[in-house]
């Protein structure tokens, strides 16, 4: 026979799990956007039908926010798995250069963090990137532009010509040095 304490514990566990699920669904911007849009449409419809129906009867048949969240989460579940998979793919480093299998970002970070080059500004490191790229793959061309941030190198990437601008290069150098400084302070 099930005791009252066991029933109470099952109920507590059920409602705690439901509370966590609802909070998780409310944190999901895609689910919340769909719920808000659905609720806006329902509110507009309710204003139209208010003159024709009893308001209490209308409220009695309205779904709760929790029910809406769960229903939309169920409807969006196939899409959300695709969104999550794409998000994970987007976070992975891409564009392996040369035979070593390093990404361009990794090559730039190594260059920026070499002890001999740590004090050099990105503008002084820019010509050194040309030689690093040449070491990993063939560099097609260097093109100058009056705006320094639009300078770029073109290089061979698996038979395709790609380019990196000085602006992107300078950003990667700054990120690498910032993360190195942040990591060294944490230790």
C-alpha atoms as a PDB file:
ATOM      1  CA  UNK A   1       0.000   0.000   0.000  1.00  0.00           C
ATOM      2  CA  UNK A   2       1.264   3.457  -0.895  1.00  0.00           C
ATOM      3  CA  UNK A   3       1.557   5.823   2.018  1.00  0.00           C
ATOM      4  CA  UNK A   4       0.631   9.482   2.053  1.00  0.00           C
ATOM      5  CA  UNK A   5       4.312  10.370   2.396  1.00  0.00           C
ATOM      6  CA  UNK A   6       5.130   8.425  -0.776  1.00  0.00           C
ATOM      7  CA  UNK A   7       2.305  10.124  -2.679  1.00  0.00           C
ATOM      8  CA  UNK A   8       3.502  13.508  -1.451  1.00  0.00           C
ATOM      9  CA  UNK A   9       7.075  12.704  -2.501  1.00  0.00           C
ATOM     10  CA  UNK A  10       5.945  11.601  -5.982  1.00  0.00           C
ATOM     11  CA  UNK A  11       3.909  14.780  -6.357  1.00  0.00           C
ATOM     12  CA  UNK A  12       6.824  16.913  -5.184  1.00  0.00           C
ATOM     13  CA  UNK A  13       9.185  15.193  -7.663  1.00  0.00           C
ATOM     14  CA  UNK A  14       6.657  15.575 -10.495  1.00  0.00           C
ATOM     15  CA  UNK A  15       6.093  19.287  -9.871  1.00  0.00           C
ATOM     16  CA  UNK A  16       9.802  19.972  -9.405  1.00  0.00           C
ATOM     17  CA  UNK A  17      10.577  18.301 -12.750  1.00  0.00           C
ATOM     18  CA  UNK A  18       7.741  20.251 -14.392  1.00  0.00           C
ATOM     19  CA  UNK A  19       8.984  23.509 -12.860  1.00  0.00           C
ATOM     20  CA  UNK A  20      12.491  22.871 -14.251  1.00  0.00           C
ATOM     21  CA  UNK A  21      11.094  21.980 -17.695  1.00  0.00           C
ATOM     22  CA  UNK A  22       8.964  25.133 -17.839  1.00  0.00           C
ATOM     23  CA  UNK A  23      11.928  27.301 -16.813  1.00  0.00           C
ATOM     24  CA  UNK A  24      14.074  25.652 -19.481  1.00  0.00           C
ATOM     25  CA  UNK A  25      11.389  26.254 -22.104  1.00  0.00           C
ATOM     26  CA  UNK A  26      11.017  29.889 -21.027  1.00  0.00           C
ATOM     27  CA  UNK A  27      14.771  30.358 -21.450  1.00  0.00           C
ATOM     28  CA  UNK A  28      14.538  29.126 -25.055  1.00  0.00           C
ATOM     29  CA  UNK A  29      14.073  32.250 -27.173  1.00  0.00           C
ATOM     30  CA  UNK A  30      12.614  30.304 -30.105  1.00  0.00           C
ATOM     31  CA  UNK A  31       9.898  28.677 -28.019  1.00  0.00           C
ATOM     32  CA  UNK A  32       9.062  31.939 -26.232  1.00  0.00           C
ATOM     33  CA  UNK A  33       8.821  33.830 -29.530  1.00  0.00           C
ATOM     34  CA  UNK A  34       6.367  31.253 -30.863  1.00  0.00           C
ATOM     35  CA  UNK A  35       4.303  31.395 -27.648  1.00  0.00           C
ATOM     36  CA  UNK A  36       4.206  35.195 -27.687  1.00  0.00           C
ATOM     37  CA  UNK A  37       3.126  35.257 -31.342  1.00  0.00           C
ATOM     38  CA  UNK A  38       0.425  32.666 -30.701  1.00  0.00           C
ATOM     39  CA  UNK A  39      -0.810  34.584 -27.653  1.00  0.00           C
ATOM     40  CA  UNK A  40      -0.955  37.838 -29.652  1.00  0.00           C
ATOM     41  CA  UNK A  41      -3.082  36.170 -32.304  1.00  0.00           C
ATOM     42  CA  UNK A  42      -5.310  34.637 -29.625  1.00  0.00           C
ATOM     43  CA  UNK A  43      -5.712  38.007 -27.881  1.00  0.00           C
ATOM     44  CA  UNK A  44      -6.682  39.684 -31.155  1.00  0.00           C
ATOM     45  CA  UNK A  45      -9.230  36.937 -31.790  1.00  0.00           C
ATOM     46  CA  UNK A  46     -10.533  37.238 -28.230  1.00  0.00           C
ATOM     47  CA  UNK A  47     -11.164  40.950 -28.714  1.00  0.00           C
ATOM     48  CA  UNK A  48     -13.189  40.154 -31.828  1.00  0.00           C
ATOM     49  CA  UNK A  49     -15.280  37.457 -30.173  1.00  0.00           C
ATOM     50  CA  UNK A  50     -15.760  39.258 -26.864  1.00  0.00           C
ATOM     51  CA  UNK A  51     -19.052  40.753 -27.993  1.00  0.00           C
ATOM     52  CA  UNK A  52     -20.376  37.358 -29.088  1.00  0.00           C
ATOM     53  CA  UNK A  53     -19.335  35.101 -26.202  1.00  0.00           C
ATOM     54  CA  UNK A  54     -19.423  35.125 -22.483  1.00  0.00           C
ATOM     55  CA  UNK A  55     -15.946  36.316 -21.271  1.00  0.00           C
ATOM     56  CA  UNK A  56     -15.926  33.803 -18.395  1.00  0.00           C
ATOM     57  CA  UNK A  57     -16.653  30.946 -20.797  1.00  0.00           C
ATOM     58  CA  UNK A  58     -13.804  32.139 -22.998  1.00  0.00           C
ATOM     59  CA  UNK A  59     -11.351  32.260 -20.066  1.00  0.00           C
ATOM     60  CA  UNK A  60     -12.457  28.819 -18.910  1.00  0.00           C
ATOM     61  CA  UNK A  61     -11.249  27.279 -22.193  1.00  0.00           C
ATOM     62  CA  UNK A  62      -7.994  29.193 -22.452  1.00  0.00           C
ATOM     63  CA  UNK A  63      -4.727  27.220 -22.241  1.00  0.00           C
ATOM     64  CA  UNK A  64      -2.200  27.970 -19.534  1.00  0.00           C
ATOM     65  CA  UNK A  65       1.221  29.387 -20.382  1.00  0.00           C
ATOM     66  CA  UNK A  66       2.817  26.119 -19.300  1.00  0.00           C
ATOM     67  CA  UNK A  67       0.598  24.123 -21.669  1.00  0.00           C
ATOM     68  CA  UNK A  68       1.407  26.496 -24.519  1.00  0.00           C
ATOM     69  CA  UNK A  69       5.131  26.188 -23.817  1.00  0.00           C
ATOM     70  CA  UNK A  70       5.000  22.408 -23.834  1.00  0.00           C
ATOM     71  CA  UNK A  71       2.871  22.273 -26.988  1.00  0.00           C
ATOM     72  CA  UNK A  72       5.157  24.612 -28.913  1.00  0.00           C
ATOM     73  CA  UNK A  73       8.284  22.845 -27.658  1.00  0.00           C
ATOM     74  CA  UNK A  74       6.826  19.592 -28.962  1.00  0.00           C
ATOM     75  CA  UNK A  75       6.051  21.215 -32.338  1.00  0.00           C
ATOM     76  CA  UNK A  76       9.495  22.822 -32.608  1.00  0.00           C
ATOM     77  CA  UNK A  77      11.475  19.808 -31.380  1.00  0.00           C
ATOM     78  CA  UNK A  78      12.495  18.567 -34.864  1.00  0.00           C
ATOM     79  CA  UNK A  79      13.605  22.070 -35.838  1.00  0.00           C
ATOM     80  CA  UNK A  80      15.410  22.700 -32.558  1.00  0.00           C
ATOM     81  CA  UNK A  81      17.611  19.652 -33.054  1.00  0.00           C
ATOM     82  CA  UNK A  82      18.630  21.082 -36.428  1.00  0.00           C
ATOM     83  CA  UNK A  83      19.303  24.496 -34.881  1.00  0.00           C
ATOM     84  CA  UNK A  84      21.417  22.920 -32.138  1.00  0.00           C
ATOM     85  CA  UNK A  85      23.369  20.822 -34.649  1.00  0.00           C
ATOM     86  CA  UNK A  86      24.050  23.914 -36.771  1.00  0.00           C
ATOM     87  CA  UNK A  87      25.148  25.857 -33.681  1.00  0.00           C
ATOM     88  CA  UNK A  88      27.644  23.118 -32.806  1.00  0.00           C
ATOM     89  CA  UNK A  89      28.949  22.996 -36.388  1.00  0.00           C
ATOM     90  CA  UNK A  90      29.374  26.763 -36.419  1.00  0.00           C
ATOM     91  CA  UNK A  91      31.510  26.623 -33.269  1.00  0.00           C
ATOM     92  CA  UNK A  92      33.956  24.140 -34.750  1.00  0.00           C
ATOM     93  CA  UNK A  93      37.066  25.549 -36.396  1.00  0.00           C
ATOM     94  CA  UNK A  94      36.833  25.423 -40.153  1.00  0.00           C
ATOM     95  CA  UNK A  95      39.138  26.003 -43.061  1.00  0.00           C
ATOM     96  CA  UNK A  96      42.130  23.769 -42.490  1.00  0.00           C
ATOM     97  CA  UNK A  97      45.086  25.204 -44.370  1.00  0.00           C
ATOM     98  CA  UNK A  98      47.830  23.088 -45.875  1.00  0.00           C
ATOM     99  CA  UNK A  99      48.895  19.585 -44.947  1.00  0.00           C
ATOM    100  CA  UNK A 100      49.348  20.251 -41.228  1.00  0.00           C
ATOM    101  CA  UNK A 101      45.599  20.513 -40.708  1.00  0.00           C
ATOM    102  CA  UNK A 102      45.757  23.826 -38.853  1.00  0.00           C
ATOM    103  CA  UNK A 103      43.082  26.453 -39.301  1.00  0.00           C
ATOM    104  CA  UNK A 104      44.019  29.940 -40.378  1.00  0.00           C
ATOM    105  CA  UNK A 105      42.961  31.241 -36.959  1.00  0.00           C
ATOM    106  CA  UNK A 106      45.309  28.754 -35.250  1.00  0.00           C
ATOM    107  CA  UNK A 107      48.213  29.843 -37.471  1.00  0.00           C
ATOM    108  CA  UNK A 108      47.560  33.488 -36.619  1.00  0.00           C
ATOM    109  CA  UNK A 109      47.253  32.770 -32.881  1.00  0.00           C
ATOM    110  CA  UNK A 110      50.559  30.890 -32.876  1.00  0.00           C
ATOM    111  CA  UNK A 111      52.200  33.763 -34.707  1.00  0.00           C
ATOM    112  CA  UNK A 112      50.759  36.370 -32.328  1.00  0.00           C
ATOM    113  CA  UNK A 113      51.800  34.458 -29.206  1.00  0.00           C
ATOM    114  CA  UNK A 114      55.371  33.575 -30.215  1.00  0.00           C
ATOM    115  CA  UNK A 115      57.684  35.045 -27.573  1.00  0.00           C
ATOM    116  CA  UNK A 116      59.741  36.872 -30.206  1.00  0.00           C
ATOM    117  CA  UNK A 117      56.643  38.600 -31.611  1.00  0.00           C
ATOM    118  CA  UNK A 118      54.564  39.277 -28.490  1.00  0.00           C
ATOM    119  CA  UNK A 119      55.387  42.987 -28.400  1.00  0.00           C
ATOM    120  CA  UNK A 120      54.764  43.568 -32.095  1.00  0.00           C
ATOM    121  CA  UNK A 121      51.580  45.292 -33.174  1.00  0.00           C
ATOM    122  CA  UNK A 122      49.293  43.604 -35.712  1.00  0.00           C
ATOM    123  CA  UNK A 123      50.575  45.937 -38.445  1.00  0.00           C
ATOM    124  CA  UNK A 124      54.143  44.697 -37.853  1.00  0.00           C
ATOM    125  CA  UNK A 125      52.943  41.051 -37.742  1.00  0.00           C
ATOM    126  CA  UNK A 126      51.039  41.361 -41.030  1.00  0.00           C
ATOM    127  CA  UNK A 127      54.066  40.721 -43.311  1.00  0.00           C
ATOM    128  CA  UNK A 128      55.018  37.729 -41.145  1.00  0.00           C
ATOM    129  CA  UNK A 129      51.630  36.177 -41.857  1.00  0.00           C
ATOM    130  CA  UNK A 130      52.553  36.157 -45.565  1.00  0.00           C
ATOM    131  CA  UNK A 131      55.547  33.926 -44.853  1.00  0.00           C
ATOM    132  CA  UNK A 132      53.507  31.685 -42.528  1.00  0.00           C
ATOM    133  CA  UNK A 133      50.817  31.261 -45.167  1.00  0.00           C
ATOM    134  CA  UNK A 134      53.486  30.581 -47.787  1.00  0.00           C
ATOM    135  CA  UNK A 135      54.902  27.873 -45.519  1.00  0.00           C
ATOM    136  CA  UNK A 136      51.488  26.129 -45.263  1.00  0.00           C
ATOM    137  CA  UNK A 137      50.022  26.791 -48.705  1.00  0.00           C
ATOM    138  CA  UNK A 138      50.640  28.927 -51.730  1.00  0.00           C
ATOM    139  CA  UNK A 139      49.904  32.605 -51.310  1.00  0.00           C
ATOM    140  CA  UNK A 140      48.293  33.932 -54.457  1.00  0.00           C
ATOM    141  CA  UNK A 141      48.634  37.653 -53.930  1.00  0.00           C
ATOM    142  CA  UNK A 142      48.919  40.540 -51.590  1.00  0.00           C
ATOM    143  CA  UNK A 143      46.743  43.504 -52.363  1.00  0.00           C
ATOM    144  CA  UNK A 144      47.115  46.935 -50.863  1.00  0.00           C
ATOM    145  CA  UNK A 145      44.313  49.415 -50.302  1.00  0.00           C
ATOM    146  CA  UNK A 146      44.271  52.971 -48.932  1.00  0.00           C
ATOM    147  CA  UNK A 147      42.285  51.673 -45.929  1.00  0.00           C
ATOM    148  CA  UNK A 148      44.611  49.418 -43.873  1.00  0.00           C
ATOM    149  CA  UNK A 149      41.709  47.289 -42.647  1.00  0.00           C
ATOM    150  CA  UNK A 150      41.005  46.260 -46.276  1.00  0.00           C
ATOM    151  CA  UNK A 151      44.521  44.998 -46.995  1.00  0.00           C
ATOM    152  CA  UNK A 152      44.326  41.306 -47.724  1.00  0.00           C
ATOM    153  CA  UNK A 153      46.236  38.192 -48.662  1.00  0.00           C
ATOM    154  CA  UNK A 154      44.767  35.673 -51.071  1.00  0.00           C
ATOM    155  CA  UNK A 155      45.788  32.080 -50.522  1.00  0.00           C
ATOM    156  CA  UNK A 156      45.032  28.630 -51.893  1.00  0.00           C
ATOM    157  CA  UNK A 157      42.565  26.636 -49.843  1.00  0.00           C
ATOM    158  CA  UNK A 158      41.920  23.157 -51.237  1.00  0.00           C
ATOM    159  CA  UNK A 159      41.948  24.436 -54.787  1.00  0.00           C
ATOM    160  CA  UNK A 160      39.884  27.520 -53.999  1.00  0.00           C
ATOM    161  CA  UNK A 161      41.195  31.046 -53.549  1.00  0.00           C
ATOM    162  CA  UNK A 162      40.341  32.530 -50.156  1.00  0.00           C
ATOM    163  CA  UNK A 163      41.311  35.839 -48.639  1.00  0.00           C
ATOM    164  CA  UNK A 164      42.009  37.231 -45.210  1.00  0.00           C
ATOM    165  CA  UNK A 165      41.809  40.950 -44.572  1.00  0.00           C
ATOM    166  CA  UNK A 166      44.084  42.839 -42.252  1.00  0.00           C
ATOM    167  CA  UNK A 167      41.059  43.787 -40.153  1.00  0.00           C
ATOM    168  CA  UNK A 168      40.193  40.122 -39.513  1.00  0.00           C
ATOM    169  CA  UNK A 169      43.857  39.347 -38.864  1.00  0.00           C
ATOM    170  CA  UNK A 170      44.130  42.187 -36.306  1.00  0.00           C
ATOM    171  CA  UNK A 171      40.962  40.954 -34.547  1.00  0.00           C
ATOM    172  CA  UNK A 172      42.326  37.413 -34.219  1.00  0.00           C
ATOM    173  CA  UNK A 173      45.659  38.743 -32.893  1.00  0.00           C
ATOM    174  CA  UNK A 174      43.842  40.883 -30.312  1.00  0.00           C
ATOM    175  CA  UNK A 175      41.594  37.979 -29.244  1.00  0.00           C
ATOM    176  CA  UNK A 176      44.569  35.628 -28.859  1.00  0.00           C
ATOM    177  CA  UNK A 177      46.531  38.095 -26.772  1.00  0.00           C
ATOM    178  CA  UNK A 178      43.521  39.022 -24.671  1.00  0.00           C
ATOM    179  CA  UNK A 179      42.725  35.382 -23.887  1.00  0.00           C
ATOM    180  CA  UNK A 180      46.401  34.707 -23.078  1.00  0.00           C
ATOM    181  CA  UNK A 181      46.465  37.680 -20.662  1.00  0.00           C
ATOM    182  CA  UNK A 182      43.151  36.638 -19.131  1.00  0.00           C
ATOM    183  CA  UNK A 183      44.337  33.031 -18.687  1.00  0.00           C
ATOM    184  CA  UNK A 184      47.652  34.080 -17.123  1.00  0.00           C
ATOM    185  CA  UNK A 185      45.846  36.305 -14.569  1.00  0.00           C
ATOM    186  CA  UNK A 186      43.522  33.454 -13.620  1.00  0.00           C
ATOM    187  CA  UNK A 187      46.473  31.279 -12.647  1.00  0.00           C
END
